[in-house]
């Protein structure tokens, strides 16, 4: 699931055609990237010296850090009445979003500190 989603995002970000409903000749960049990501993922799982749990933990930590600016953007966007025609978040939802943001931020900072200062 991740390779296909990544292929979609990257090719769309660069304004290229993407999708499984196209042929390889129509979207060679999409299918090439998808194939490359599948091969890399397969090699990471098959090779015995690759620390899978470490990769899992680090990738999730990176995801948490990258989630923070997205949460801020969505929080701001979901409270603009002009864009949403008055259907903005209620105060309880805003409190939950802020608490979630703080929990993720604190957890990310604690994990990064533990990476550098573990003995």
N, C-alpha and C. Protein backbone atom coordinates (compact mmCIF):
# COMPACT_ATOMS: atom_id res chain seq x y z
N UNK A 1 0.81 -1.19 0.00
CA UNK A 1 0.00 0.00 0.00
C UNK A 1 0.86 1.27 0.00
N UNK A 2 1.94 1.24 0.76
CA UNK A 2 2.80 2.42 0.84
C UNK A 2 3.48 2.73 -0.49
N UNK A 3 4.02 1.73 -1.21
CA UNK A 3 4.66 2.08 -2.49
C UNK A 3 3.70 2.72 -3.50
N UNK A 4 2.48 2.22 -3.57
CA UNK A 4 1.54 2.79 -4.54
C UNK A 4 1.14 4.21 -4.14
N UNK A 5 0.91 4.43 -2.84
CA UNK A 5 0.55 5.77 -2.37
C UNK A 5 1.71 6.74 -2.58
N UNK A 6 2.92 6.29 -2.31
CA UNK A 6 4.09 7.14 -2.51
C UNK A 6 4.27 7.48 -3.98
N UNK A 7 4.05 6.51 -4.84
CA UNK A 7 4.16 6.75 -6.28
C UNK A 7 3.13 7.78 -6.74
N UNK A 8 1.91 7.64 -6.25
CA UNK A 8 0.87 8.62 -6.58
C UNK A 8 1.27 10.02 -6.14
N UNK A 9 1.69 10.15 -4.89
CA UNK A 9 2.00 11.47 -4.33
C UNK A 9 3.15 12.13 -5.08
N UNK A 10 4.21 11.38 -5.31
CA UNK A 10 5.39 11.98 -5.95
C UNK A 10 5.11 12.37 -7.39
N UNK A 11 4.46 11.49 -8.15
CA UNK A 11 4.19 11.84 -9.55
C UNK A 11 3.19 12.98 -9.67
N UNK A 12 2.19 13.00 -8.80
CA UNK A 12 1.22 14.10 -8.82
C UNK A 12 1.87 15.41 -8.39
N UNK A 13 2.80 15.35 -7.44
CA UNK A 13 3.48 16.56 -6.98
C UNK A 13 4.27 17.22 -8.10
N UNK A 14 4.78 16.41 -9.01
CA UNK A 14 5.55 16.95 -10.13
C UNK A 14 4.71 17.15 -11.39
N UNK A 15 3.40 17.00 -11.25
CA UNK A 15 2.50 17.26 -12.36
C UNK A 15 2.51 16.19 -13.44
N UNK A 16 2.93 15.00 -13.08
CA UNK A 16 2.97 13.90 -14.04
C UNK A 16 1.70 13.06 -13.93
N UNK A 17 1.37 12.38 -15.00
CA UNK A 17 0.22 11.48 -14.98
C UNK A 17 0.52 10.31 -14.05
N UNK A 18 -0.49 9.85 -13.33
CA UNK A 18 -0.29 8.70 -12.46
C UNK A 18 -1.59 7.93 -12.34
N UNK A 19 -1.46 6.66 -12.10
CA UNK A 19 -2.63 5.83 -11.89
C UNK A 19 -2.47 4.46 -12.50
N UNK A 20 -3.12 3.50 -11.87
CA UNK A 20 -3.06 2.14 -12.36
C UNK A 20 -3.94 1.92 -13.58
N UNK A 21 -4.80 2.89 -13.87
CA UNK A 21 -5.66 2.75 -15.05
C UNK A 21 -4.96 3.19 -16.34
N UNK A 22 -3.72 3.67 -16.22
CA UNK A 22 -2.91 4.03 -17.39
C UNK A 22 -1.95 2.89 -17.71
N UNK A 23 -1.48 2.84 -18.94
CA UNK A 23 -0.48 1.84 -19.31
C UNK A 23 0.91 2.36 -18.94
N UNK A 24 1.89 1.46 -19.03
CA UNK A 24 3.27 1.87 -18.73
C UNK A 24 3.75 2.92 -19.71
N UNK A 25 3.35 2.83 -20.96
CA UNK A 25 3.77 3.82 -21.96
C UNK A 25 3.19 5.20 -21.66
N UNK A 26 2.01 5.26 -21.06
CA UNK A 26 1.38 6.55 -20.74
C UNK A 26 1.98 7.18 -19.49
N UNK A 27 2.37 6.36 -18.53
CA UNK A 27 2.92 6.88 -17.27
C UNK A 27 4.16 6.10 -16.85
N UNK A 28 5.25 6.21 -17.60
CA UNK A 28 6.44 5.44 -17.24
C UNK A 28 7.05 5.85 -15.91
N UNK A 29 6.95 7.13 -15.56
CA UNK A 29 7.52 7.60 -14.29
C UNK A 29 6.80 6.94 -13.11
N UNK A 30 5.48 6.88 -13.18
CA UNK A 30 4.68 6.29 -12.11
C UNK A 30 5.02 4.82 -11.92
N UNK A 31 5.00 4.06 -12.99
CA UNK A 31 5.25 2.62 -12.89
C UNK A 31 6.71 2.33 -12.54
N UNK A 32 7.64 3.14 -13.02
CA UNK A 32 9.05 2.96 -12.67
C UNK A 32 9.28 3.21 -11.19
N UNK A 33 8.71 4.28 -10.68
CA UNK A 33 8.83 4.59 -9.26
C UNK A 33 8.18 3.51 -8.40
N UNK A 34 7.01 3.06 -8.82
CA UNK A 34 6.30 2.01 -8.09
C UNK A 34 7.13 0.73 -8.06
N UNK A 35 7.71 0.35 -9.18
CA UNK A 35 8.54 -0.85 -9.24
C UNK A 35 9.79 -0.71 -8.39
N UNK A 36 10.43 0.46 -8.46
CA UNK A 36 11.62 0.72 -7.65
C UNK A 36 11.31 0.60 -6.16
N UNK A 37 10.21 1.18 -5.72
CA UNK A 37 9.84 1.12 -4.30
C UNK A 37 9.51 -0.30 -3.86
N UNK A 38 8.89 -1.07 -4.72
CA UNK A 38 8.62 -2.47 -4.40
C UNK A 38 9.91 -3.27 -4.25
N UNK A 39 10.86 -3.03 -5.13
CA UNK A 39 12.14 -3.74 -5.06
C UNK A 39 12.90 -3.37 -3.79
N UNK A 40 12.95 -2.08 -3.47
CA UNK A 40 13.63 -1.63 -2.24
C UNK A 40 12.96 -2.24 -1.01
N UNK A 41 11.63 -2.22 -0.97
CA UNK A 41 10.92 -2.81 0.17
C UNK A 41 11.17 -4.30 0.29
N UNK A 42 11.21 -4.99 -0.83
CA UNK A 42 11.48 -6.43 -0.82
C UNK A 42 12.89 -6.72 -0.32
N UNK A 43 13.85 -5.95 -0.79
CA UNK A 43 15.23 -6.15 -0.35
C UNK A 43 15.39 -5.89 1.15
N UNK A 44 14.71 -4.89 1.65
CA UNK A 44 14.81 -4.59 3.09
C UNK A 44 14.27 -5.74 3.93
N UNK A 45 13.26 -6.42 3.43
CA UNK A 45 12.67 -7.52 4.20
C UNK A 45 13.47 -8.80 4.04
N UNK A 46 14.02 -9.04 2.85
CA UNK A 46 14.70 -10.30 2.56
C UNK A 46 16.12 -10.35 3.13
N UNK A 47 16.83 -9.24 3.09
CA UNK A 47 18.22 -9.23 3.54
C UNK A 47 18.28 -9.45 5.05
N UNK A 48 19.09 -10.42 5.49
CA UNK A 48 19.09 -10.79 6.92
C UNK A 48 19.76 -9.78 7.85
N UNK A 49 20.61 -8.93 7.35
CA UNK A 49 21.35 -8.00 8.21
C UNK A 49 20.63 -6.67 8.41
N UNK A 50 19.47 -6.48 7.81
CA UNK A 50 18.74 -5.22 7.94
C UNK A 50 17.89 -5.27 9.22
N UNK A 51 18.08 -4.31 10.13
CA UNK A 51 17.33 -4.31 11.39
C UNK A 51 15.90 -3.78 11.18
N UNK A 52 14.96 -4.67 10.98
CA UNK A 52 13.59 -4.27 10.63
C UNK A 52 12.91 -3.46 11.73
N UNK A 53 13.09 -3.87 12.99
CA UNK A 53 12.44 -3.14 14.08
C UNK A 53 12.98 -1.72 14.21
N UNK A 54 14.27 -1.57 14.01
CA UNK A 54 14.86 -0.22 14.06
C UNK A 54 14.29 0.65 12.95
N UNK A 55 14.20 0.08 11.75
CA UNK A 55 13.62 0.83 10.63
C UNK A 55 12.18 1.19 10.93
N UNK A 56 11.44 0.26 11.51
CA UNK A 56 10.04 0.52 11.86
C UNK A 56 9.91 1.67 12.85
N UNK A 57 10.71 1.63 13.92
CA UNK A 57 10.62 2.68 14.94
C UNK A 57 11.05 4.04 14.39
N UNK A 58 12.12 4.06 13.64
CA UNK A 58 12.61 5.33 13.11
C UNK A 58 11.63 5.91 12.08
N UNK A 59 11.08 5.06 11.24
CA UNK A 59 10.13 5.57 10.24
C UNK A 59 8.87 6.12 10.91
N UNK A 60 8.42 5.48 11.97
CA UNK A 60 7.25 5.99 12.68
C UNK A 60 7.56 7.29 13.41
N UNK A 61 8.78 7.42 13.92
CA UNK A 61 9.17 8.68 14.56
C UNK A 61 9.22 9.81 13.53
N UNK A 62 9.73 9.51 12.34
CA UNK A 62 9.75 10.51 11.27
C UNK A 62 8.32 10.89 10.88
N UNK A 63 7.44 9.89 10.79
CA UNK A 63 6.04 10.17 10.48
C UNK A 63 5.41 11.08 11.52
N UNK A 64 5.71 10.86 12.78
CA UNK A 64 5.14 11.70 13.85
C UNK A 64 5.64 13.13 13.73
N UNK A 65 6.92 13.30 13.44
CA UNK A 65 7.47 14.65 13.29
C UNK A 65 6.85 15.35 12.08
N UNK A 66 6.68 14.62 10.98
CA UNK A 66 6.09 15.22 9.78
C UNK A 66 4.60 15.50 9.95
N UNK A 67 3.97 14.79 10.87
CA UNK A 67 2.55 15.00 11.12
C UNK A 67 2.27 16.35 11.79
N UNK A 68 3.22 16.85 12.57
CA UNK A 68 2.99 18.07 13.34
C UNK A 68 2.64 19.28 12.46
N UNK A 69 3.41 19.61 11.42
CA UNK A 69 2.99 20.77 10.61
C UNK A 69 1.67 20.54 9.88
N UNK A 70 1.40 19.30 9.52
CA UNK A 70 0.12 19.00 8.86
C UNK A 70 -1.03 19.24 9.83
N UNK A 71 -0.87 18.83 11.09
CA UNK A 71 -1.91 19.07 12.09
C UNK A 71 -2.13 20.56 12.30
N UNK A 72 -1.06 21.33 12.36
CA UNK A 72 -1.20 22.79 12.53
C UNK A 72 -1.97 23.39 11.36
N UNK A 73 -1.59 22.99 10.14
CA UNK A 73 -2.27 23.51 8.96
C UNK A 73 -3.75 23.14 8.97
N UNK A 74 -4.07 21.89 9.27
CA UNK A 74 -5.47 21.47 9.31
C UNK A 74 -6.25 22.15 10.43
N UNK A 75 -5.58 22.38 11.57
CA UNK A 75 -6.22 23.07 12.68
C UNK A 75 -6.61 24.49 12.27
N UNK A 76 -5.67 25.19 11.65
CA UNK A 76 -5.95 26.56 11.20
C UNK A 76 -7.04 26.55 10.14
N UNK A 77 -6.92 25.66 9.18
CA UNK A 77 -7.88 25.59 8.09
C UNK A 77 -9.28 25.23 8.57
N UNK A 78 -9.38 24.36 9.55
CA UNK A 78 -10.69 23.92 10.02
C UNK A 78 -11.38 24.95 10.91
N UNK A 79 -10.74 26.06 11.16
CA UNK A 79 -11.36 27.11 11.98
C UNK A 79 -11.61 28.40 11.19
N UNK A 80 -11.50 28.35 9.88
CA UNK A 80 -11.75 29.53 9.03
C UNK A 80 -13.20 29.47 8.55
N UNK A 81 -14.03 30.33 9.13
CA UNK A 81 -15.46 30.33 8.80
C UNK A 81 -15.72 30.70 7.35
N UNK A 82 -14.89 31.57 6.80
CA UNK A 82 -15.09 32.02 5.42
C UNK A 82 -14.96 30.86 4.42
N UNK A 83 -14.03 29.98 4.69
CA UNK A 83 -13.82 28.84 3.79
C UNK A 83 -14.87 27.76 3.99
N UNK A 84 -15.23 27.50 5.23
CA UNK A 84 -16.12 26.38 5.56
C UNK A 84 -17.58 26.78 5.74
N UNK A 85 -17.93 27.99 5.36
CA UNK A 85 -19.31 28.48 5.47
C UNK A 85 -19.91 28.30 6.86
N UNK A 86 -19.12 28.56 7.86
CA UNK A 86 -19.63 28.49 9.23
C UNK A 86 -19.52 27.11 9.88
N UNK A 87 -19.10 26.10 9.15
CA UNK A 87 -18.98 24.75 9.70
C UNK A 87 -17.59 24.51 10.27
N UNK A 88 -17.21 25.32 11.23
CA UNK A 88 -15.88 25.20 11.83
C UNK A 88 -15.95 24.27 13.04
N UNK A 89 -14.77 23.96 13.57
CA UNK A 89 -14.69 23.09 14.73
C UNK A 89 -15.32 23.75 15.95
N UNK A 90 -15.89 22.90 16.80
CA UNK A 90 -16.36 23.39 18.10
C UNK A 90 -15.17 23.47 19.04
N UNK A 91 -15.37 24.13 20.18
CA UNK A 91 -14.27 24.32 21.13
C UNK A 91 -13.73 23.01 21.66
N UNK A 92 -14.61 22.03 21.90
CA UNK A 92 -14.13 20.74 22.43
C UNK A 92 -13.25 20.03 21.42
N UNK A 93 -13.59 20.13 20.15
CA UNK A 93 -12.76 19.53 19.10
C UNK A 93 -11.41 20.23 19.03
N UNK A 94 -11.41 21.56 19.14
CA UNK A 94 -10.15 22.30 19.14
C UNK A 94 -9.27 21.91 20.32
N UNK A 95 -9.88 21.70 21.47
CA UNK A 95 -9.12 21.27 22.65
C UNK A 95 -8.51 19.89 22.42
N UNK A 96 -9.29 18.99 21.84
CA UNK A 96 -8.79 17.64 21.56
C UNK A 96 -7.65 17.69 20.56
N UNK A 97 -7.77 18.53 19.53
CA UNK A 97 -6.71 18.66 18.53
C UNK A 97 -5.44 19.22 19.17
N UNK A 98 -5.58 20.22 20.02
CA UNK A 98 -4.41 20.81 20.68
C UNK A 98 -3.75 19.79 21.60
N UNK A 99 -4.55 19.04 22.36
CA UNK A 99 -3.99 18.01 23.24
C UNK A 99 -3.29 16.91 22.44
N UNK A 100 -3.88 16.53 21.32
CA UNK A 100 -3.25 15.53 20.45
C UNK A 100 -1.94 16.04 19.90
N UNK A 101 -1.94 17.29 19.45
CA UNK A 101 -0.71 17.90 18.95
C UNK A 101 0.37 17.90 20.02
N UNK A 102 0.01 18.32 21.23
CA UNK A 102 0.99 18.36 22.31
C UNK A 102 1.51 16.97 22.65
N UNK A 103 0.63 15.98 22.66
CA UNK A 103 1.05 14.61 22.97
C UNK A 103 2.04 14.09 21.92
N UNK A 104 1.74 14.34 20.66
CA UNK A 104 2.63 13.90 19.59
C UNK A 104 3.96 14.65 19.65
N UNK A 105 3.90 15.95 19.90
CA UNK A 105 5.12 16.76 19.97
C UNK A 105 6.00 16.31 21.13
N UNK A 106 5.42 16.10 22.30
CA UNK A 106 6.18 15.66 23.47
C UNK A 106 6.77 14.28 23.23
N UNK A 107 5.98 13.39 22.66
CA UNK A 107 6.48 12.04 22.37
C UNK A 107 7.62 12.07 21.37
N UNK A 108 7.50 12.89 20.35
CA UNK A 108 8.56 12.99 19.35
C UNK A 108 9.84 13.55 19.94
N UNK A 109 9.70 14.57 20.75
CA UNK A 109 10.88 15.17 21.39
C UNK A 109 11.53 14.17 22.34
N UNK A 110 10.72 13.45 23.11
CA UNK A 110 11.26 12.44 24.03
C UNK A 110 11.98 11.33 23.28
N UNK A 111 11.42 10.91 22.16
CA UNK A 111 12.07 9.85 21.37
C UNK A 111 13.39 10.34 20.78
N UNK A 112 13.40 11.55 20.25
CA UNK A 112 14.64 12.08 19.66
C UNK A 112 15.70 12.24 20.74
N UNK A 113 15.33 12.71 21.90
CA UNK A 113 16.28 12.84 23.01
C UNK A 113 16.81 11.47 23.41
N UNK A 114 15.92 10.47 23.45
CA UNK A 114 16.37 9.13 23.83
C UNK A 114 17.33 8.53 22.80
N UNK A 115 17.19 8.92 21.54
CA UNK A 115 18.12 8.43 20.52
C UNK A 115 19.52 8.97 20.74
N UNK A 116 19.63 10.22 21.14
CA UNK A 116 20.94 10.85 21.27
C UNK A 116 21.58 10.64 22.64
N UNK A 117 20.77 10.44 23.66
CA UNK A 117 21.32 10.35 25.01
C UNK A 117 21.12 8.99 25.66
N UNK A 118 20.89 7.97 24.88
CA UNK A 118 20.78 6.63 25.46
C UNK A 118 22.19 6.08 25.64
N UNK A 119 22.34 5.23 26.62
CA UNK A 119 23.67 4.69 26.89
C UNK A 119 23.65 3.27 26.49
